[in-house]
Amino acid sequence: MPTDDGDTDDTSPTGQPKGWSWRDRARGSVIRATVLDPGTEPLDGIEAFPTAYVPDRLLVSDGGDPGRAERSVDIVREAAAVFGWGVERERLDGSAMQEGERIEARLRGAPVVTRVRLTTPERADGVSPALPDAWRVLQEVRRRALAGDVVRRRNGEADAGQSLRRARLDRIGLDHILTIDPVGLNPFSRSNPFTRTNPFSRSNPFSRSNPFSRSNPVDEYGDCGSGGRQPVAWVGPEPGRTDVPDGRRRPVVAVLDTGIGAHGWLPDTLVDRDVRLDGVPVGLHDERNPEVYPDLYGPLDGELDPVAGHGTFIAGIIRQKAPDAELLAIRVADALGIVEESNLLRVIEDLGILVQRHRDGRADGRPIDVLNLSLGYYHETPEDGLYTRDLFDLLSVLRGLGTTVVVSSGNDATDRPTFPASLWPWPGSDNGIAPDDLAPHISVGALNPDRRTTALFSNVGPWVKTYAVGAAVVSTLPDFTGGLQASARDDQYRRRRLTIGPEDYRGGFAVWSGTSFAAPLVAGLVAAALGMPPAAEKAEPAVGAARDSVERVLGALA
């Protein structure tokens, strides 16, 4: 790591845990995902679109019917056998289940979701089957269910989604890959996920004086000086906090992201970085933490990982808008910004249990007033009956307990709905979701700093409920120092004189862009509007308070 006098400290790798090797770096750089080819296993009545998913895994839930999951697993087993694959059932945390074992619901009102892993058993002829593909199995499951319903669907009496619901197969789906990504970092939004093979193609981060030199103007927001992550100085005071009145508590915002790193604004008295359920950590707790080690993966060029500091930046935005709030740091993403859907479901279920216990008056519960999700994915078949509602159902349980859900819309400059942002009854929707009286679900797009125009990168459409500033936002970042150095140095009068180091965040603040940062602005506003909630409050009044607060916030943003 470069030192202040320009020498090099070779005692430890930059931004890596002790003992980190090339094997760890290479292993973690491999994205374990398949990009769906809509031309694979086509099926009449089902139009599919590209998405990313875990190739050897399906998700199966009981939909509230305890015996349904076992029947669904048997159906998956039969479909997988067509391709020579076997199945093994797992819990959401990856632990194995015994044949015929049932899991009791841990969260009232929520489905029990399990994973089905596809295997390649040895064959007697010694020929190994092709590598498992969950999409092919899912389509085979659907093909069998729809085969007896072709005439009815052709006569217009039913569609494929209705047929799958009738066959009770709308609870079998892919284990999708979600991403938390500032502008231009989602590898699954492009046809080629490996678009940057040469780390030395950007020797000067300030080389673009002409904003029209890019073939894609959206990517301009990713450049230093145009909204991309870059150091900045904060010269104002730290947001102040007020005392908590008797019988009240601070509002709580849960941030499901890359974690929350160390920062003077974010001490342990304000941020819980070790949230547990019955003594077990909620979310990821391994050492590969991008809020602690900013350069875990990619080439040895010293450049910081694209999402390093993402969760800390979000926390700082909430801190600015809701200085009285407490934060729960739940790490769900790795240093590449990748989140497996099954892991996300497990975390949301755990948080639901904690909130449910709090509403029941139990000492081992935790209140969560706002849930911030700056992440998402594109579903291959988002129409009603053709997507599993497990994520929606789990979020609905939280909303029924008084937790407002705030989700970023995505940064791909498209009107294609993302999940979970679009999981609400938006105008013209065909997702089958009916209006409810629960705490709100808010999808958020990004505005430019002028607060009048929508950022060009922001996803848009009727499924985006509101917009907030998300371009060139100022917030907190851990004191990272990367390999991109100042472009000029000229020491005079015993002063070390440099241009701005593009990856020197020792000042603790940065500018960054993305709907990822518009969502926590809204989350912070909602938390602030709640004020100091009652220390003990049942679900029904909590839902009412959430709806009133969100109504005021959305009115102010309109």
Protein backbone atom coordinates (compact mmCIF):
# COMPACT_ATOMS: atom_id res chain seq x y z
CA MET A 1 0.00 0.00 0.00
CA PRO A 2 1.45 3.42 -0.89
CA THR A 3 2.56 5.40 2.13
CA ASP A 4 2.62 9.15 2.63
CA ASP A 5 6.25 9.43 1.53
CA GLY A 6 5.63 7.50 -1.68
CA ASP A 7 7.28 4.27 -0.54
CA THR A 8 5.54 0.92 -0.63
CA ASP A 9 4.48 -1.14 2.38
CA ASP A 10 4.73 -4.80 1.37
CA THR A 11 3.71 -6.26 4.73
CA SER A 12 0.14 -7.06 3.66
CA PRO A 13 -1.92 -7.16 0.46
CA THR A 14 -3.97 -4.05 -0.23
CA GLY A 15 -7.56 -4.41 0.92
CA GLN A 16 -7.37 -8.15 1.66
CA PRO A 17 -7.68 -10.29 4.80
CA LYS A 18 -4.56 -11.81 6.31
CA GLY A 19 -3.58 -14.96 4.48
CA TRP A 20 -5.59 -14.02 1.37
CA SER A 21 -4.12 -15.80 -1.67
CA TRP A 22 -4.53 -15.84 -5.41
CA ARG A 23 -6.77 -18.86 -4.95
CA ASP A 24 -9.20 -16.84 -2.84
CA ARG A 25 -9.05 -13.97 -5.32
CA ALA A 26 -9.66 -16.21 -8.32
CA ARG A 27 -12.33 -18.31 -6.60
CA GLY A 28 -14.35 -15.30 -5.54
CA SER A 29 -14.07 -13.62 -8.94
CA VAL A 30 -16.09 -16.41 -10.57
CA ILE A 31 -19.77 -15.47 -10.74
CA ARG A 32 -21.75 -18.65 -10.17
CA ALA A 33 -24.67 -17.78 -12.39
CA THR A 34 -26.22 -18.56 -15.74
CA VAL A 35 -27.79 -15.92 -17.98
CA LEU A 36 -31.07 -17.32 -19.27
CA ASP A 37 -31.36 -17.81 -23.00
CA PRO A 38 -35.07 -17.39 -23.87
CA GLY A 39 -34.55 -19.73 -26.83
CA THR A 40 -33.80 -22.65 -24.50
CA GLU A 41 -36.73 -25.01 -23.86
CA PRO A 42 -39.37 -22.72 -25.44
CA LEU A 43 -42.94 -23.35 -24.32
CA ASP A 44 -46.17 -22.26 -25.95
CA GLY A 45 -47.93 -19.59 -23.92
CA ILE A 46 -44.87 -18.57 -21.89
CA GLU A 47 -42.68 -15.76 -23.19
CA ALA A 48 -39.40 -15.61 -21.31
CA PHE A 49 -36.85 -12.81 -21.04
CA PRO A 50 -33.20 -12.85 -19.96
CA THR A 51 -32.37 -13.10 -16.28
CA ALA A 52 -29.56 -14.54 -14.15
CA TYR A 53 -29.96 -17.57 -11.90
CA VAL A 54 -28.08 -20.26 -10.00
CA PRO A 55 -27.79 -23.01 -12.64
CA ASP A 56 -28.24 -26.09 -10.44
CA ARG A 57 -30.92 -24.91 -8.03
CA LEU A 58 -34.68 -24.39 -7.86
CA LEU A 59 -36.76 -22.87 -5.07
CA VAL A 60 -39.87 -24.68 -3.88
CA SER A 61 -42.35 -23.42 -1.29
CA ASP A 62 -45.49 -24.76 0.32
CA GLY A 63 -47.52 -21.58 -0.22
CA GLY A 64 -49.01 -22.09 3.22
CA ASP A 65 -49.99 -25.73 2.52
CA PRO A 66 -47.63 -28.01 4.54
CA GLY A 67 -47.93 -30.93 2.14
CA ARG A 68 -47.53 -28.94 -1.04
CA ALA A 69 -43.73 -28.70 -1.00
CA GLU A 70 -43.26 -32.47 -0.88
CA ARG A 71 -45.52 -32.94 -3.89
CA SER A 72 -43.69 -30.19 -5.75
CA VAL A 73 -40.30 -31.78 -5.03
CA ASP A 74 -41.57 -35.06 -6.49
CA ILE A 75 -42.68 -33.19 -9.61
CA VAL A 76 -39.25 -31.56 -9.92
CA ARG A 77 -37.59 -34.95 -9.45
CA GLU A 78 -39.60 -36.45 -12.33
CA ALA A 79 -38.82 -33.51 -14.61
CA ALA A 80 -35.11 -33.58 -13.75
CA ALA A 81 -34.95 -37.31 -14.54
CA VAL A 82 -35.84 -36.52 -18.15
CA PHE A 83 -32.39 -34.93 -18.48
CA GLY A 84 -30.59 -37.53 -16.38
CA TRP A 85 -30.35 -35.33 -13.27
CA GLY A 86 -31.21 -36.11 -9.68
CA VAL A 87 -32.40 -33.81 -6.90
CA GLU A 88 -31.40 -33.15 -3.31
CA ARG A 89 -33.50 -30.97 -1.05
CA GLU A 90 -31.83 -28.30 1.10
CA ARG A 91 -32.81 -25.66 3.61
CA LEU A 92 -32.33 -22.04 2.57
CA ASP A 93 -29.03 -21.96 4.45
CA GLY A 94 -27.72 -24.84 2.31
CA SER A 95 -27.93 -27.57 4.97
CA ALA A 96 -29.20 -30.94 3.75
CA MET A 97 -32.67 -32.29 4.46
CA GLN A 98 -33.66 -35.89 4.92
CA GLU A 99 -36.00 -37.53 2.42
CA GLY A 100 -39.57 -36.76 3.44
CA GLU A 101 -38.53 -34.26 6.13
CA ARG A 102 -40.83 -31.30 6.58
CA ILE A 103 -39.91 -27.87 7.88
CA GLU A 104 -42.38 -26.12 10.13
CA ALA A 105 -43.08 -22.47 9.42
CA ARG A 106 -40.93 -20.19 11.59
CA LEU A 107 -42.71 -17.00 10.53
CA ARG A 108 -46.48 -16.80 10.91
CA GLY A 109 -48.28 -16.09 7.68
CA ALA A 110 -45.26 -16.80 5.46
CA PRO A 111 -44.56 -19.74 3.13
CA VAL A 112 -41.90 -22.30 3.95
CA VAL A 113 -39.31 -22.10 1.17
CA THR A 114 -36.66 -24.76 0.51
CA ARG A 115 -34.01 -25.28 -2.16
CA VAL A 116 -33.84 -28.20 -4.57
CA ARG A 117 -30.33 -28.82 -5.87
CA LEU A 118 -29.91 -30.65 -9.18
CA THR A 119 -27.27 -33.38 -9.21
CA THR A 120 -25.53 -35.41 -11.91
CA PRO A 121 -25.53 -39.04 -10.71
CA GLU A 122 -23.23 -41.56 -12.32
CA ARG A 123 -24.82 -43.62 -15.06
CA ALA A 124 -24.30 -47.30 -15.69
CA ASP A 125 -23.03 -46.63 -19.22
CA GLY A 126 -20.36 -44.27 -17.82
CA VAL A 127 -21.67 -41.32 -19.84
CA SER A 128 -22.15 -38.23 -17.73
CA PRO A 129 -25.25 -36.12 -18.39
CA ALA A 130 -24.92 -32.45 -19.25
CA LEU A 131 -24.39 -29.99 -16.44
CA PRO A 132 -27.68 -29.23 -14.65
CA ASP A 133 -29.79 -26.33 -15.85
CA ALA A 134 -32.64 -25.31 -13.56
CA TRP A 135 -34.42 -23.41 -16.34
CA ARG A 136 -34.75 -26.55 -18.47
CA VAL A 137 -36.19 -28.44 -15.51
CA LEU A 138 -38.61 -25.63 -14.68
CA GLN A 139 -39.86 -25.53 -18.26
CA GLU A 140 -40.27 -29.33 -18.26
CA VAL A 141 -42.34 -29.03 -15.08
CA ARG A 142 -44.52 -26.44 -16.78
CA ARG A 143 -44.72 -28.40 -20.01
CA ARG A 144 -46.17 -31.39 -18.21
CA ALA A 145 -48.66 -29.26 -16.29
CA LEU A 146 -49.86 -27.41 -19.37
CA ALA A 147 -50.06 -30.44 -21.66
CA GLY A 148 -53.59 -31.32 -20.54
CA ASP A 149 -54.77 -27.73 -20.71
CA VAL A 150 -53.83 -26.84 -24.29
CA VAL A 151 -57.36 -26.80 -25.70
CA ARG A 152 -58.72 -24.59 -22.91
CA ARG A 153 -55.91 -22.11 -23.31
CA ARG A 154 -56.24 -22.03 -27.10
CA ASN A 155 -59.95 -21.28 -26.70
CA GLY A 156 -59.06 -18.31 -24.53
CA GLU A 157 -60.62 -19.80 -21.41
CA ALA A 158 -57.34 -19.68 -19.49
CA ASP A 159 -53.76 -18.52 -19.80
CA ALA A 160 -50.56 -20.29 -18.84
CA GLY A 161 -50.37 -18.52 -15.49
CA GLN A 162 -53.89 -19.58 -14.53
CA SER A 163 -53.13 -23.13 -15.58
CA LEU A 164 -50.01 -23.29 -13.43
CA ARG A 165 -51.90 -21.91 -10.45
CA ARG A 166 -54.61 -24.50 -11.00
CA ALA A 167 -51.94 -27.20 -11.07
CA ARG A 168 -50.42 -25.62 -7.93
CA LEU A 169 -47.04 -25.23 -9.62
CA ASP A 170 -46.69 -21.46 -9.25
CA ARG A 171 -44.52 -22.08 -6.18
CA ILE A 172 -41.64 -23.62 -8.13
CA GLY A 173 -39.10 -21.16 -9.51
CA LEU A 174 -35.48 -20.29 -10.21
CA ASP A 175 -33.04 -19.13 -7.55
CA HIS A 176 -32.37 -15.74 -9.10
CA ILE A 177 -29.25 -13.63 -8.82
CA LEU A 178 -29.82 -10.11 -7.56
CA THR A 179 -27.25 -7.33 -7.72
CA ILE A 180 -26.58 -4.22 -5.71
CA ASP A 181 -24.99 -1.97 -8.28
CA PRO A 182 -24.20 1.68 -8.77
CA VAL A 183 -24.33 2.87 -12.37
CA GLY A 184 -22.92 0.52 -15.00
CA LEU A 185 -21.89 -2.33 -12.68
CA ASN A 186 -24.66 -4.89 -13.25
CA PRO A 187 -23.01 -7.68 -15.26
CA PHE A 188 -26.38 -9.18 -16.14
CA SER A 189 -27.83 -6.11 -17.84
CA ARG A 190 -25.59 -6.58 -20.88
CA SER A 191 -25.08 -9.37 -23.35
CA ASN A 192 -21.43 -9.72 -22.39
CA PRO A 193 -20.73 -9.81 -18.64
CA PHE A 194 -16.97 -9.55 -19.20
CA THR A 195 -16.79 -6.12 -20.80
CA ARG A 196 -13.67 -4.95 -18.95
CA THR A 197 -10.89 -7.45 -19.51
CA ASN A 198 -8.06 -4.91 -19.45
CA PRO A 199 -7.62 -3.08 -16.13
CA PHE A 200 -5.12 -0.69 -17.72
CA SER A 201 -7.60 0.85 -20.14
CA ARG A 202 -8.28 3.72 -17.72
CA SER A 203 -4.91 5.22 -16.91
CA ASN A 204 -6.35 8.69 -16.34
CA PRO A 205 -9.74 8.91 -14.62
CA PHE A 206 -10.12 12.53 -15.74
CA SER A 207 -9.37 11.97 -19.41
CA ARG A 208 -12.88 12.71 -20.66
CA SER A 209 -13.35 16.42 -21.17
CA ASN A 210 -16.05 15.76 -23.77
CA PRO A 211 -19.17 14.21 -22.23
CA PHE A 212 -20.30 13.06 -25.67
CA SER A 213 -17.25 10.86 -26.25
CA ARG A 214 -18.99 7.80 -24.80
CA SER A 215 -21.08 5.55 -26.99
CA ASN A 216 -23.46 5.13 -24.03
CA PRO A 217 -24.21 8.43 -22.26
CA VAL A 218 -25.67 6.58 -19.26
CA ASP A 219 -22.18 5.36 -18.36
CA GLU A 220 -21.09 8.98 -17.93
CA TYR A 221 -22.59 8.83 -14.42
CA GLY A 222 -19.96 6.24 -13.55
CA ASP A 223 -17.04 8.59 -14.28
CA CYS A 224 -15.24 10.63 -11.64
CA GLY A 225 -16.44 14.20 -11.96
CA SER A 226 -19.76 13.13 -13.50
CA GLY A 227 -21.32 11.34 -10.55
CA GLY A 228 -19.10 8.29 -10.26
CA ARG A 229 -17.59 7.30 -6.92
CA GLN A 230 -14.97 9.89 -6.01
CA PRO A 231 -13.61 11.58 -2.87
CA VAL A 232 -15.22 14.77 -1.67
CA ALA A 233 -14.84 16.98 1.42
CA TRP A 234 -17.64 17.39 3.97
CA VAL A 235 -17.38 20.74 5.73
CA GLY A 236 -20.66 20.80 7.64
CA PRO A 237 -21.46 19.47 11.13
CA GLU A 238 -22.32 15.87 11.90
CA PRO A 239 -26.09 15.33 12.05
CA GLY A 240 -27.25 15.80 15.65
CA ARG A 241 -29.38 13.43 17.70
CA THR A 242 -32.12 14.16 20.22
CA ASP A 243 -32.94 12.39 23.46
CA VAL A 244 -35.56 9.65 23.55
CA PRO A 245 -38.67 10.51 25.61
CA ASP A 246 -39.93 8.04 28.21
CA GLY A 247 -41.96 5.22 26.70
CA ARG A 248 -40.55 5.83 23.25
CA ARG A 249 -37.70 4.44 21.15
CA ARG A 250 -35.66 5.46 18.16
CA PRO A 251 -36.90 4.47 14.67
CA VAL A 252 -35.01 1.51 13.24
CA VAL A 253 -33.90 1.11 9.62
CA ALA A 254 -32.54 -2.23 8.42
CA VAL A 255 -30.05 -1.98 5.54
CA LEU A 256 -29.72 -5.21 3.52
CA ASP A 257 -26.59 -4.60 1.49
CA THR A 258 -22.80 -5.06 1.67
CA GLY A 259 -22.77 -4.28 5.38
CA ILE A 260 -21.84 -0.97 7.03
CA GLY A 261 -18.19 -0.13 7.54
CA ALA A 262 -16.38 1.92 10.17
CA HIS A 263 -16.98 5.66 10.14
CA GLY A 264 -17.13 8.44 12.71
CA TRP A 265 -20.77 9.07 11.85
CA LEU A 266 -21.64 5.39 12.27
CA PRO A 267 -20.46 4.18 15.70
CA ASP A 268 -21.56 0.91 17.27
CA THR A 269 -23.96 2.84 19.49
CA LEU A 270 -25.88 3.79 16.36
CA VAL A 271 -25.28 0.79 14.07
CA ASP A 272 -25.80 -2.86 15.04
CA ARG A 273 -23.35 -4.82 12.90
CA ASP A 274 -24.05 -8.16 14.57
CA VAL A 275 -27.79 -8.78 14.33
CA ARG A 276 -28.69 -12.25 15.60
CA LEU A 277 -31.72 -14.51 15.81
CA ASP A 278 -31.53 -17.01 18.68
CA GLY A 279 -27.77 -16.49 18.81
CA VAL A 280 -27.25 -17.13 15.09
CA PRO A 281 -25.99 -14.22 12.90
CA VAL A 282 -28.47 -12.89 10.36
CA GLY A 283 -26.91 -12.55 6.89
CA LEU A 284 -23.31 -13.08 5.82
CA HIS A 285 -20.62 -12.97 8.49
CA ASP A 286 -17.50 -14.31 6.76
CA GLU A 287 -14.32 -12.27 6.45
CA ARG A 288 -14.93 -11.38 2.80
CA ASN A 289 -16.53 -8.10 3.81
CA PRO A 290 -16.33 -5.33 1.16
CA GLU A 291 -16.88 -2.71 3.87
CA VAL A 292 -13.64 -3.81 5.56
CA TYR A 293 -11.54 -5.13 2.65
CA PRO A 294 -12.10 -2.95 -0.43
CA ASP A 295 -10.02 -4.90 -2.98
CA LEU A 296 -10.90 -8.58 -2.68
CA TYR A 297 -11.43 -9.59 -6.30
CA GLY A 298 -10.35 -8.80 -9.81
CA PRO A 299 -6.84 -8.14 -11.14
CA LEU A 300 -3.94 -7.03 -8.96
CA ASP A 301 -4.15 -3.46 -10.21
CA GLY A 302 -4.90 -1.87 -6.83
CA GLU A 303 -8.24 -0.51 -8.04
CA LEU A 304 -11.01 -0.71 -5.45
CA ASP A 305 -13.82 -3.19 -6.03
CA PRO A 306 -16.81 -1.46 -7.68
CA VAL A 307 -19.17 -1.94 -4.72
CA ALA A 308 -16.67 -1.37 -1.87
CA GLY A 309 -18.32 0.99 0.61
CA HIS A 310 -21.79 0.68 -0.93
CA GLY A 311 -23.57 -0.12 2.35
CA THR A 312 -21.65 2.54 4.28
CA PHE A 313 -22.64 5.13 1.69
CA ILE A 314 -26.31 4.12 2.10
CA ALA A 315 -26.02 4.32 5.89
CA GLY A 316 -24.65 7.86 5.65
CA ILE A 317 -27.62 8.99 3.56
CA ILE A 318 -30.04 7.61 6.14
CA ARG A 319 -27.95 9.27 8.86
CA GLN A 320 -28.36 12.64 7.14
CA LYS A 321 -32.12 12.32 6.68
CA ALA A 322 -32.96 10.52 9.94
CA PRO A 323 -30.23 11.38 12.47
CA ASP A 324 -32.27 9.90 15.33
CA ALA A 325 -32.60 6.50 13.67
CA GLU A 326 -30.79 3.32 14.63
CA LEU A 327 -29.42 1.14 11.83
CA LEU A 328 -29.21 -2.63 11.44
CA ALA A 329 -26.37 -3.64 9.12
CA ILE A 330 -27.35 -6.90 7.41
CA ARG A 331 -24.82 -8.10 4.85
CA VAL A 332 -26.48 -10.01 2.02
CA ALA A 333 -24.10 -9.18 -0.87
CA ASP A 334 -20.54 -10.22 -1.59
CA ALA A 335 -17.76 -7.96 -2.85
CA LEU A 336 -19.04 -8.36 -6.41
CA GLY A 337 -22.45 -7.06 -5.38
CA ILE A 338 -24.08 -10.47 -5.95
CA VAL A 339 -27.04 -11.71 -3.86
CA GLU A 340 -28.60 -15.15 -4.23
CA GLU A 341 -32.37 -15.02 -3.94
CA SER A 342 -32.51 -17.97 -1.55
CA ASN A 343 -30.13 -16.21 0.84
CA LEU A 344 -32.19 -13.03 0.66
CA LEU A 345 -35.36 -14.98 1.45
CA ARG A 346 -33.68 -16.51 4.48
CA VAL A 347 -32.60 -13.09 5.79
CA ILE A 348 -36.02 -11.53 5.31
CA GLU A 349 -37.61 -14.48 7.08
CA ASP A 350 -35.19 -14.05 10.01
CA LEU A 351 -35.97 -10.34 10.25
CA GLY A 352 -39.68 -11.07 10.11
CA ILE A 353 -39.35 -13.38 13.10
CA LEU A 354 -37.52 -10.69 15.07
CA VAL A 355 -40.19 -8.08 14.29
CA GLN A 356 -43.01 -10.53 14.99
CA ARG A 357 -41.52 -11.28 18.42
CA HIS A 358 -41.22 -7.55 19.12
CA ARG A 359 -44.88 -6.97 18.27
CA ASP A 360 -45.75 -9.90 20.55
CA GLY A 361 -43.95 -8.15 23.39
CA ARG A 362 -41.08 -10.63 23.61
CA ALA A 363 -37.68 -9.49 24.88
CA ASP A 364 -35.88 -11.44 22.13
CA GLY A 365 -37.57 -9.47 19.34
CA ARG A 366 -36.36 -6.40 17.43
CA PRO A 367 -38.37 -3.56 15.90
CA ILE A 368 -37.75 -2.66 12.25
CA ASP A 369 -39.66 0.37 11.01
CA VAL A 370 -38.11 0.65 7.53
CA LEU A 371 -36.38 -1.97 5.37
CA ASN A 372 -34.01 -0.59 2.70
CA LEU A 373 -33.34 -2.84 -0.30
CA SER A 374 -30.96 -1.24 -2.80
CA LEU A 375 -30.89 -4.36 -4.96
CA GLY A 376 -32.93 -6.20 -7.55
CA TYR A 377 -33.20 -8.50 -10.55
CA TYR A 378 -35.24 -8.91 -13.72
CA HIS A 379 -37.69 -11.83 -13.64
CA GLU A 380 -37.88 -13.96 -16.77
CA THR A 381 -41.69 -14.31 -16.60
CA PRO A 382 -43.06 -11.55 -14.35
CA GLU A 383 -46.74 -12.10 -15.16
CA ASP A 384 -49.23 -13.37 -12.60
CA GLY A 385 -48.99 -17.12 -12.15
CA LEU A 386 -45.63 -17.36 -13.90
CA TYR A 387 -43.49 -16.14 -11.02
CA THR A 388 -43.27 -17.41 -7.47
CA ARG A 389 -44.69 -15.04 -4.87
CA ASP A 390 -42.41 -16.11 -2.02
CA LEU A 391 -40.41 -12.86 -1.90
CA PHE A 392 -43.62 -10.85 -2.09
CA ASP A 393 -45.21 -12.93 0.67
CA LEU A 394 -42.24 -12.57 3.03
CA LEU A 395 -42.11 -8.81 2.48
CA SER A 396 -45.88 -8.66 3.01
CA VAL A 397 -45.54 -10.31 6.40
CA LEU A 398 -43.06 -7.61 7.37
CA ARG A 399 -45.37 -4.92 6.02
CA GLY A 400 -48.24 -6.43 8.02
CA LEU A 401 -46.12 -5.92 11.13
CA GLY A 402 -45.64 -2.23 10.36
CA THR A 403 -42.37 -2.29 8.40
CA THR A 404 -42.22 0.01 5.36
CA VAL A 405 -40.29 -1.57 2.47
CA VAL A 406 -38.22 0.79 0.28
CA VAL A 407 -36.61 -0.62 -2.90
CA SER A 408 -34.39 0.92 -5.58
CA SER A 409 -35.71 0.68 -9.15
CA GLY A 410 -32.37 -0.14 -10.84
CA ASN A 411 -29.81 1.66 -12.98
CA ASP A 412 -30.17 0.17 -16.45
CA ALA A 413 -32.20 3.00 -18.07
CA THR A 414 -35.07 0.67 -18.88
CA ASP A 415 -38.79 0.46 -18.13
CA ARG A 416 -38.61 -3.31 -17.65
CA PRO A 417 -39.90 -3.95 -14.10
CA THR A 418 -37.39 -5.15 -11.54
CA PHE A 419 -38.06 -7.39 -8.55
CA PRO A 420 -38.72 -6.66 -5.73
CA ALA A 421 -39.27 -2.99 -6.70
CA SER A 422 -42.31 -3.79 -8.87
CA LEU A 423 -43.99 -6.13 -6.34
CA TRP A 424 -46.94 -3.83 -5.71
CA PRO A 425 -50.22 -3.20 -7.61
CA TRP A 426 -48.90 -0.53 -9.96
CA PRO A 427 -51.18 0.97 -12.65
CA GLY A 428 -51.59 -1.40 -15.60
CA SER A 429 -49.78 -4.23 -13.82
CA ASP A 430 -50.35 -7.86 -14.76
CA ASN A 431 -48.53 -9.23 -11.69
CA GLY A 432 -51.73 -10.25 -9.93
CA ILE A 433 -51.03 -8.26 -6.76
CA ALA A 434 -54.11 -6.69 -5.19
CA PRO A 435 -54.14 -3.48 -3.11
CA ASP A 436 -53.83 -4.00 0.64
CA ASP A 437 -53.89 -2.07 3.89
CA LEU A 438 -50.40 -3.05 5.04
CA ALA A 439 -47.40 -0.77 5.53
CA PRO A 440 -46.37 0.60 2.12
CA HIS A 441 -44.01 -0.88 -0.46
CA ILE A 442 -42.16 1.98 -2.19
CA SER A 443 -40.10 1.67 -5.37
CA VAL A 444 -37.72 4.59 -5.93
CA GLY A 445 -36.09 6.00 -9.05
CA ALA A 446 -33.33 8.61 -9.17
CA LEU A 447 -33.33 12.33 -9.85
CA ASN A 448 -30.41 14.47 -10.92
CA PRO A 449 -29.00 17.02 -8.43
CA ASP A 450 -31.34 19.67 -9.85
CA ARG A 451 -34.22 17.72 -8.21
CA ARG A 452 -36.30 18.36 -11.33
CA THR A 453 -35.00 15.94 -13.94
CA THR A 454 -34.78 12.16 -13.82
CA ALA A 455 -31.29 10.72 -13.99
CA LEU A 456 -30.71 9.13 -17.39
CA PHE A 457 -29.51 5.87 -15.79
CA SER A 458 -32.63 5.45 -13.64
CA ASN A 459 -35.15 2.76 -14.48
CA VAL A 460 -38.56 4.29 -15.06
CA GLY A 461 -42.16 3.27 -15.61
CA PRO A 462 -45.53 3.09 -13.86
CA TRP A 463 -44.08 0.57 -11.40
CA VAL A 464 -41.72 3.24 -9.98
CA LYS A 465 -43.75 4.88 -7.23
CA THR A 466 -41.57 7.92 -6.50
CA TYR A 467 -38.26 9.57 -7.34
CA ALA A 468 -35.58 11.15 -5.15
CA VAL A 469 -32.09 12.55 -5.70
CA GLY A 470 -29.75 9.69 -6.58
CA ALA A 471 -27.12 11.25 -8.85
CA ALA A 472 -23.94 12.86 -7.47
CA VAL A 473 -25.03 12.30 -3.87
CA VAL A 474 -22.63 13.05 -0.99
CA SER A 475 -22.33 10.52 1.82
CA THR A 476 -20.01 8.48 4.02
CA LEU A 477 -17.34 5.98 2.94
CA PRO A 478 -14.78 4.00 4.95
CA ASP A 479 -11.24 5.41 4.83
CA PHE A 480 -10.25 3.29 1.83
CA THR A 481 -7.18 4.04 -0.28
CA GLY A 482 -6.94 2.39 -3.70
CA GLY A 483 -4.38 2.08 -6.42
CA LEU A 484 -5.53 4.92 -8.67
CA GLN A 485 -3.20 7.73 -7.70
CA ALA A 486 -3.10 11.49 -8.11
CA SER A 487 -2.13 12.52 -11.62
CA ALA A 488 0.52 15.07 -10.58
CA ARG A 489 2.83 15.84 -7.65
CA ASP A 490 5.05 18.83 -7.00
CA ASP A 491 6.37 19.21 -3.44
CA GLN A 492 7.27 22.77 -2.38
CA TYR A 493 8.03 24.45 0.95
CA ARG A 494 8.06 21.09 2.70
CA ARG A 495 4.46 20.52 1.64
CA ARG A 496 3.35 17.40 -0.16
CA ARG A 497 1.40 18.88 -3.08
CA LEU A 498 -0.85 16.64 -5.23
CA THR A 499 -3.90 16.67 -7.39
CA ILE A 500 -6.89 14.83 -5.89
CA GLY A 501 -6.27 11.10 -5.51
CA PRO A 502 -9.28 9.48 -7.26
CA GLU A 503 -9.36 6.60 -4.76
CA ASP A 504 -8.18 8.26 -1.56
CA TYR A 505 -11.18 8.22 0.77
CA ARG A 506 -9.33 8.92 4.00
CA GLY A 507 -11.46 12.06 4.36
CA GLY A 508 -14.43 9.75 4.92
CA PHE A 509 -16.81 11.15 2.30
CA ALA A 510 -17.58 10.56 -1.36
CA VAL A 511 -19.85 11.40 -4.26
CA TRP A 512 -21.69 8.49 -5.91
CA SER A 513 -24.68 7.84 -8.17
CA GLY A 514 -27.40 5.22 -8.41
CA THR A 515 -30.99 4.46 -7.52
CA SER A 516 -29.25 2.53 -4.73
CA PHE A 517 -28.81 5.93 -3.09
CA ALA A 518 -32.23 7.39 -3.93
CA ALA A 519 -33.91 4.56 -1.97
CA PRO A 520 -32.18 5.25 1.38
CA LEU A 521 -32.97 8.94 1.03
CA VAL A 522 -36.65 7.97 0.99
CA ALA A 523 -36.09 5.39 3.75
CA GLY A 524 -34.52 8.08 5.90
CA LEU A 525 -37.38 10.48 5.26
CA VAL A 526 -39.91 7.83 6.28
CA ALA A 527 -37.96 7.02 9.46
CA ALA A 528 -37.76 10.72 10.32
CA ALA A 529 -41.48 11.19 9.70
CA LEU A 530 -42.22 8.37 12.17
CA GLY A 531 -40.48 10.31 14.91
CA MET A 532 -39.97 8.33 18.12
CA PRO A 533 -42.40 5.36 17.97
CA PRO A 534 -43.85 3.84 21.15
CA ALA A 535 -41.43 1.39 22.76
CA ALA A 536 -44.15 -1.26 22.78
CA GLU A 537 -46.63 -1.14 19.92
CA LYS A 538 -48.83 -3.77 18.33
CA ALA A 539 -48.85 -4.39 14.59
CA GLU A 540 -52.09 -2.62 13.72
CA PRO A 541 -51.22 0.85 15.08
CA ALA A 542 -47.69 0.44 13.69
CA VAL A 543 -49.12 -0.15 10.21
CA GLY A 544 -51.30 2.95 10.56
CA ALA A 545 -48.33 5.07 11.63
CA ALA A 546 -46.29 3.74 8.70
CA ARG A 547 -48.99 4.58 6.17
CA ASP A 548 -49.45 8.10 7.58
CA SER A 549 -45.69 8.75 7.51
CA VAL A 550 -45.25 7.48 3.96
CA GLU A 551 -48.21 9.55 2.75
CA ARG A 552 -46.53 12.71 4.07
CA VAL A 553 -43.17 11.79 2.56
CA LEU A 554 -44.58 10.94 -0.87
CA GLY A 555 -46.60 14.15 -0.84
CA ALA A 556 -43.46 16.17 -0.19
CA LEU A 557 -41.55 14.35 -2.97
CA ALA A 558 -44.29 14.73 -5.57
